[in-house]
Protein backbone atom coordinates (compact mmCIF):
# COMPACT_ATOMS: atom_id res chain seq x y z
CA UNK A 1 18.99 -0.34 16.89
CA UNK A 2 19.27 -4.01 15.85
CA UNK A 3 16.35 -6.43 15.53
CA UNK A 4 16.19 -10.06 14.36
CA UNK A 5 13.24 -11.88 12.72
CA UNK A 6 12.19 -14.94 14.60
CA UNK A 7 9.31 -15.45 12.18
CA UNK A 8 8.63 -13.47 8.95
CA UNK A 9 4.86 -13.22 8.82
CA UNK A 10 2.82 -13.51 5.66
CA UNK A 11 4.82 -11.03 3.53
CA UNK A 12 6.78 -8.47 5.58
CA UNK A 13 8.62 -5.99 3.22
CA UNK A 14 10.69 -2.90 3.45
CA UNK A 15 8.82 0.18 1.94
CA UNK A 16 9.27 3.83 1.64
CA UNK A 17 8.13 6.53 -0.86
CA UNK A 18 8.94 4.35 -3.64
CA UNK A 19 10.43 5.29 -7.07
CA UNK A 20 8.37 8.05 -8.59
CA UNK A 21 9.75 9.64 -11.76
CA UNK A 22 10.68 6.37 -13.56
CA UNK A 23 7.42 5.20 -15.00
CA UNK A 24 8.59 6.38 -18.50
CA UNK A 25 11.11 3.59 -18.25
CA UNK A 26 8.49 0.96 -17.28
CA UNK A 27 9.45 0.96 -13.63
CA UNK A 28 6.47 0.89 -11.26
CA UNK A 29 6.23 3.51 -8.52
CA UNK A 30 6.17 1.02 -5.65
CA UNK A 31 6.43 2.08 -2.17
CA UNK A 32 4.07 1.97 0.93
CA UNK A 33 0.38 1.35 -0.09
CA UNK A 34 -0.71 3.50 2.87
CA UNK A 35 1.64 6.43 2.71
CA UNK A 36 -0.11 8.51 5.41
CA UNK A 37 0.36 5.60 7.94
CA UNK A 38 3.93 5.15 7.07
CA UNK A 39 4.72 8.87 7.49
CA UNK A 40 2.66 9.02 10.80
CA UNK A 41 4.56 6.08 12.21
CA UNK A 42 7.97 7.61 11.26
CA UNK A 43 6.95 10.95 12.83
CA UNK A 44 6.21 9.19 16.20
CA UNK A 45 9.91 7.93 16.50
CA UNK A 46 11.41 11.06 15.07
CA UNK A 47 12.29 9.68 11.63
CA UNK A 48 11.86 11.77 8.45
CA UNK A 49 8.58 10.91 6.91
CA UNK A 50 10.00 8.85 3.93
CA UNK A 51 12.37 6.81 6.16
CA UNK A 52 11.73 3.07 5.33
CA UNK A 53 9.33 1.02 7.39
CA UNK A 54 8.20 -2.49 7.51
CA UNK A 55 4.99 -3.13 5.62
CA UNK A 56 3.16 -5.89 7.50
CA UNK A 57 0.46 -7.68 5.59
CA UNK A 58 -2.37 -9.70 7.25
CA UNK A 59 -0.14 -11.70 9.41
CA UNK A 60 2.71 -9.99 11.36
CA UNK A 61 6.29 -11.29 12.12
CA UNK A 62 7.73 -11.91 15.49
CA UNK A 63 10.83 -9.81 16.13
CA UNK A 64 13.52 -9.83 18.83
CA UNK A 65 15.15 -6.60 19.84
CA UNK A 66 18.90 -7.07 20.11
CA UNK A 67 19.52 -3.50 21.47
CA UNK A 68 17.48 -0.75 23.04
CA UNK A 69 15.38 1.54 20.83
CA UNK A 70 11.98 2.90 20.05
CA UNK A 71 9.27 1.81 17.58
CA UNK A 72 5.84 2.96 16.42
CA UNK A 73 2.92 1.20 14.51
CA UNK A 74 0.29 2.82 12.24
CA UNK A 75 -2.21 1.56 9.63
CA UNK A 76 -4.56 -1.31 9.98
CA UNK A 77 -5.66 -2.13 13.47
CA UNK A 78 -3.15 -4.93 14.31
CA UNK A 79 -2.67 -5.72 17.93
CA UNK A 80 0.86 -4.92 18.93
CA UNK A 81 2.47 -7.12 21.68
CA UNK A 82 5.65 -6.71 23.54
CA UNK A 83 6.63 -9.93 25.32
CA UNK A 84 3.16 -11.16 24.44
CA UNK A 85 1.47 -8.38 26.36
CA UNK A 86 -0.65 -6.07 24.24
CA UNK A 87 0.30 -2.32 24.27
CA UNK A 88 -1.22 0.84 22.89
CA UNK A 89 0.43 1.26 19.51
CA UNK A 90 -0.73 4.92 18.65
CA UNK A 91 2.50 6.35 20.28
CA UNK A 92 6.26 5.98 20.48
CA UNK A 93 7.14 2.70 22.27
CA UNK A 94 10.46 2.16 23.98
CA UNK A 95 11.86 -1.38 23.67
CA UNK A 96 14.72 -3.00 25.50
CA UNK A 97 17.28 -5.50 24.40
CA UNK A 98 15.75 -8.86 24.63
CA UNK A 99 12.15 -7.70 24.16
CA UNK A 100 10.11 -9.58 21.55
CA UNK A 101 7.56 -7.80 19.31
CA UNK A 102 4.57 -9.64 17.82
CA UNK A 103 1.19 -8.87 16.33
CA UNK A 104 -2.45 -10.13 16.35
CA UNK A 105 -4.36 -9.93 13.13
CA UNK A 106 -6.37 -6.86 12.24
CA UNK A 107 -10.13 -6.77 12.25
CA UNK A 108 -10.12 -3.97 9.58
CA UNK A 109 -7.68 -3.26 6.83
CA UNK A 110 -4.78 -5.55 6.01
CA UNK A 111 -1.56 -3.52 6.14
CA UNK A 112 0.32 -1.85 9.02
CA UNK A 113 3.61 0.11 9.16
CA UNK A 114 6.27 -0.53 11.76
CA UNK A 115 8.78 2.33 12.16
CA UNK A 116 12.11 1.79 13.83
CA UNK A 117 14.10 4.82 14.93
CA UNK A 118 17.26 5.76 13.24
CA UNK A 119 18.87 5.50 9.80
CA UNK A 120 18.04 2.27 8.08
CA UNK A 121 21.04 0.27 6.80
CA UNK A 122 19.32 -1.44 3.82
CA UNK A 123 19.92 -1.91 0.14
CA UNK A 124 18.43 0.74 -2.26
CA UNK A 125 17.78 0.98 -5.91
CA UNK A 126 17.00 4.23 -7.75
CA UNK A 127 16.89 5.82 -4.30
CA UNK A 128 14.32 3.56 -2.79
CA UNK A 129 14.54 0.61 -0.38
CA UNK A 130 11.05 -0.55 -1.36
CA UNK A 131 10.49 -4.25 -2.26
CA UNK A 132 9.17 -4.78 -5.81
CA UNK A 133 7.99 -8.12 -7.25
CA UNK A 134 7.86 -8.19 -11.04
CA UNK A 135 6.32 -11.48 -12.22
CA UNK A 136 8.26 -14.05 -10.07
CA UNK A 137 11.29 -11.76 -9.79
CA UNK A 138 12.15 -9.88 -6.58
CA UNK A 139 13.99 -6.63 -7.53
CA UNK A 140 15.50 -6.35 -3.98
CA UNK A 141 15.35 -9.85 -2.32
CA UNK A 142 16.78 -8.30 0.85
CA UNK A 143 13.58 -6.09 1.24
CA UNK A 144 11.48 -9.24 1.73
CA UNK A 145 12.21 -10.31 5.36
CA UNK A 146 12.75 -13.89 6.36
CA UNK A 147 13.24 -15.90 9.60
CA UNK A 148 16.75 -15.22 10.81
CA UNK A 149 17.34 -11.84 9.07
CA UNK A 150 18.69 -9.01 11.01
CA UNK A 151 17.79 -5.30 10.53
CA UNK A 152 20.10 -2.52 11.69
CA UNK A 153 19.38 1.18 12.06
CA UNK A 154 22.07 3.77 13.04
CA UNK A 155 21.63 6.59 15.54
CA UNK A 156 21.00 10.03 14.06
CA UNK A 157 23.68 12.78 14.32
CA UNK A 158 21.09 15.17 15.77
CA UNK A 159 17.74 14.84 17.56
CA UNK A 160 14.66 15.48 15.42
CA UNK A 161 12.32 18.37 15.92
CA UNK A 162 9.08 17.50 17.75
CA UNK A 163 6.53 16.30 15.04
CA UNK A 164 3.03 17.91 14.51
CA UNK A 165 2.18 15.17 12.01
CA UNK A 166 -1.46 14.28 12.49
CA UNK A 167 -2.78 10.60 12.52
CA UNK A 168 -4.40 9.51 9.22
CA UNK A 169 -8.15 9.93 9.07
CA UNK A 170 -10.41 6.74 9.58
CA UNK A 171 -10.93 4.65 6.49
CA UNK A 172 -14.17 4.61 4.59
CA UNK A 173 -15.54 2.19 2.13
CA UNK A 174 -15.95 4.94 -0.63
CA UNK A 175 -13.27 5.19 -3.34
CA UNK A 176 -13.51 8.57 -4.90
CA UNK A 177 -12.67 8.51 -8.53
CA UNK A 178 -12.76 10.70 -11.81
CA UNK A 179 -14.13 9.26 -15.08
CA UNK A 180 -11.28 7.83 -17.09
CA UNK A 181 -10.46 8.29 -20.79
CA UNK A 182 -12.50 5.24 -21.99
CA UNK A 183 -15.43 5.74 -19.48
CA UNK A 184 -17.68 6.26 -22.42
CA UNK A 185 -16.92 2.87 -23.73
CA UNK A 186 -19.27 1.51 -20.99
CA UNK A 187 -22.97 0.90 -21.73
CA UNK A 188 -25.45 3.46 -20.05
CA UNK A 189 -26.43 0.85 -17.74
CA UNK A 190 -22.84 0.02 -16.71
CA UNK A 191 -22.17 3.69 -16.23
CA UNK A 192 -24.91 4.01 -13.73
CA UNK A 193 -24.16 0.71 -12.07
CA UNK A 194 -20.51 1.48 -11.56
CA UNK A 195 -21.40 4.25 -9.11
CA UNK A 196 -24.31 2.50 -7.48
CA UNK A 197 -23.15 -1.06 -6.99
CA UNK A 198 -21.44 -2.48 -3.81
CA UNK A 199 -18.29 -4.16 -5.22
CA UNK A 200 -16.37 -7.03 -3.44
CA UNK A 201 -12.60 -7.47 -3.68
CA UNK A 202 -11.88 -10.86 -5.09
CA UNK A 203 -8.95 -13.11 -5.96
CA UNK A 204 -6.35 -12.60 -7.31
CA UNK A 205 -5.70 -9.22 -5.65
CA UNK A 206 -2.31 -7.95 -4.45
CA UNK A 207 -0.01 -5.05 -4.52
CA UNK A 208 -0.21 -4.93 -8.31
CA UNK A 209 -4.03 -4.40 -8.39
CA UNK A 210 -7.36 -5.17 -6.86
CA UNK A 211 -10.03 -7.05 -8.67
CA UNK A 212 -13.84 -6.56 -8.22
CA UNK A 213 -16.36 -9.28 -8.46
CA UNK A 214 -19.08 -7.45 -10.50
CA UNK A 215 -18.75 -7.39 -14.28
CA UNK A 216 -19.57 -4.28 -16.23
CA UNK A 217 -20.60 -4.37 -19.96
CA UNK A 218 -19.28 -2.27 -22.89
CA UNK A 219 -21.68 -0.50 -25.24
CA UNK A 220 -22.28 -2.12 -28.58
CA UNK A 221 -20.02 0.41 -30.27
CA UNK A 222 -17.02 -0.55 -28.27
CA UNK A 223 -17.77 -4.26 -27.33
CA UNK A 224 -15.26 -5.76 -29.87
CA UNK A 225 -12.71 -2.90 -30.09
CA UNK A 226 -9.13 -3.48 -29.06
CA UNK A 227 -7.57 -0.17 -27.77
CA UNK A 228 -3.97 0.82 -28.24
CA UNK A 229 -1.76 0.30 -25.20
CA UNK A 230 -1.66 3.52 -23.17
CA UNK A 231 -0.15 4.88 -20.00
CA UNK A 232 -1.63 3.81 -16.58
CA UNK A 233 -0.64 4.72 -13.00
CA UNK A 234 -1.56 3.78 -9.46
CA UNK A 235 -5.36 4.32 -9.09
CA UNK A 236 -6.20 3.68 -12.71
CA UNK A 237 -9.10 1.31 -12.98
CA UNK A 238 -9.07 -0.82 -16.03
CA UNK A 239 -11.84 -3.11 -17.42
CA UNK A 240 -10.93 -6.45 -18.85
CA UNK A 241 -12.55 -7.81 -21.99
CA UNK A 242 -14.87 -10.04 -19.59
CA UNK A 243 -15.99 -6.75 -17.87
CA UNK A 244 -13.94 -7.09 -14.59
CA UNK A 245 -12.70 -3.95 -12.98
CA UNK A 246 -9.04 -3.85 -11.85
CA UNK A 247 -7.76 -0.97 -9.68
CA UNK A 248 -3.96 -0.64 -10.10
CA UNK A 249 -1.80 -0.14 -7.00
CA UNK A 250 1.74 0.80 -6.46
CA UNK A 251 3.31 -2.21 -7.98
CA UNK A 252 1.11 -2.15 -11.06
CA UNK A 253 2.49 -1.88 -14.59
CA UNK A 254 3.03 1.54 -16.29
CA UNK A 255 1.37 0.81 -19.67
CA UNK A 256 -1.76 -1.23 -20.37
CA UNK A 257 -4.14 -2.20 -23.18
CA UNK A 258 -7.49 -2.48 -21.19
CA UNK A 259 -9.90 0.49 -21.20
CA UNK A 260 -9.21 3.01 -18.41
CA UNK A 261 -12.65 3.70 -17.03
CA UNK A 262 -11.76 5.53 -13.87
CA UNK A 263 -8.87 7.18 -12.11
CA UNK A 264 -9.05 7.13 -8.30
CA UNK A 265 -8.14 10.28 -6.35
CA UNK A 266 -4.86 10.44 -4.55
CA UNK A 267 -6.84 10.56 -1.23
CA UNK A 268 -8.53 7.30 -1.91
CA UNK A 269 -5.17 5.41 -2.61
CA UNK A 270 -4.67 4.47 1.04
CA UNK A 271 -8.05 2.96 1.30
CA UNK A 272 -7.45 0.86 -1.78
CA UNK A 273 -4.24 -0.32 -0.23
CA UNK A 274 -6.07 -1.46 2.90
CA UNK A 275 -8.74 -3.45 1.16
CA UNK A 276 -8.57 -7.28 1.28
CA UNK A 277 -10.30 -10.10 -0.42
CA UNK A 278 -13.89 -10.14 0.73
CA UNK A 279 -14.07 -6.32 1.64
CA UNK A 280 -16.84 -4.23 0.09
CA UNK A 281 -16.47 -0.84 -1.43
CA UNK A 282 -18.21 1.71 -3.61
CA UNK A 283 -16.96 4.14 -6.31
CA UNK A 284 -17.98 7.68 -5.87
CA UNK A 285 -17.79 9.88 -8.97
CA UNK A 286 -15.80 13.11 -8.91
CA UNK A 287 -16.47 16.07 -11.44
CA UNK A 288 -14.07 16.06 -14.15
CA UNK A 289 -11.45 18.87 -13.68
CA UNK A 290 -11.53 21.70 -16.11
CA UNK A 291 -8.27 22.08 -17.84
CA UNK A 292 -8.90 25.37 -19.69
C-alpha cells in the first residue's frame, strides 16, 4: 500500500510501542501515548499490535491513496472522511487508488491512530520507528510527516489470524495514581487537595508532559530543600518549586530533580495521553502496594 500526504496536519508522526529498556541510558520510552487504541486499530487491519501507526494530533492530515488497501482509525473521536464523505471508523475500511482520506477535529480527546495494512517501510532506531523530539532535535526526522511525503507498506507473506482484540474502554476524567516517594513533602492541606481538586491542563503541555493549573504547597520542613536528581518514568507526577504538578508522558526525561509526588497507574496512561489544554481531570489515590 502506498499513500501520499497532501497536507500534514498539526503534527502527524509515526509511533509504535517505543523503546522500552533504554531509560538507563537516558533514552525516553517514546511510542504511542494511547497504546490500546494503537493496538486496536492495528488489529482491525490484521497487523501485529505493535506495527507502526500514524499518531494524529488535534488536526489531521489529508492523504491520497496511490494503491488499494485497508485502513482503520481508533482513539479520539476524529471524524474520518473518504473523498470528503464521513464513514464509520470503528472497523476495517477498504480504500481504492485515488481515494483521499481526511479528518474533522475531535470533540473529545486529542490523538487518534491510523493503521495501514502491511509491513511498514520506515526508518527505525533501537528497534522503534517512533518519532522523538528531544529539545529542538528530531531523532527520526522522517517519522514526522510533511506535505509531499509518501508512505509505503508491503504485503504480508501470510494472512493474519482473525483478531479478538477488544476496543478500548471509554475514557474518564479520573487519573488513578499511587503516592510517590516525596508525597510526604506536601503540606497536609496540599495532600488532601491533590485528590479533591479539579485540575485543568495548561500550557505548555505536550508529549513530554502535562502541566496542571493549580499550585500545591510544600510543608515547612521541605519547602526549601533541593532533592538529589532521581529516576522518573512515564506517569511520574513531579512538583516544581512553584508548586505546579507535571505528569510525565512517553517523551519525558528519565531523570529529574523535582519531588515525585505521584506515580500514575498504567491503566491511566492512555487518558493522560488524550488530555488537551483546557481539559479537566482528577487524581484518584490508589493504595500503596505491599512489597513484603
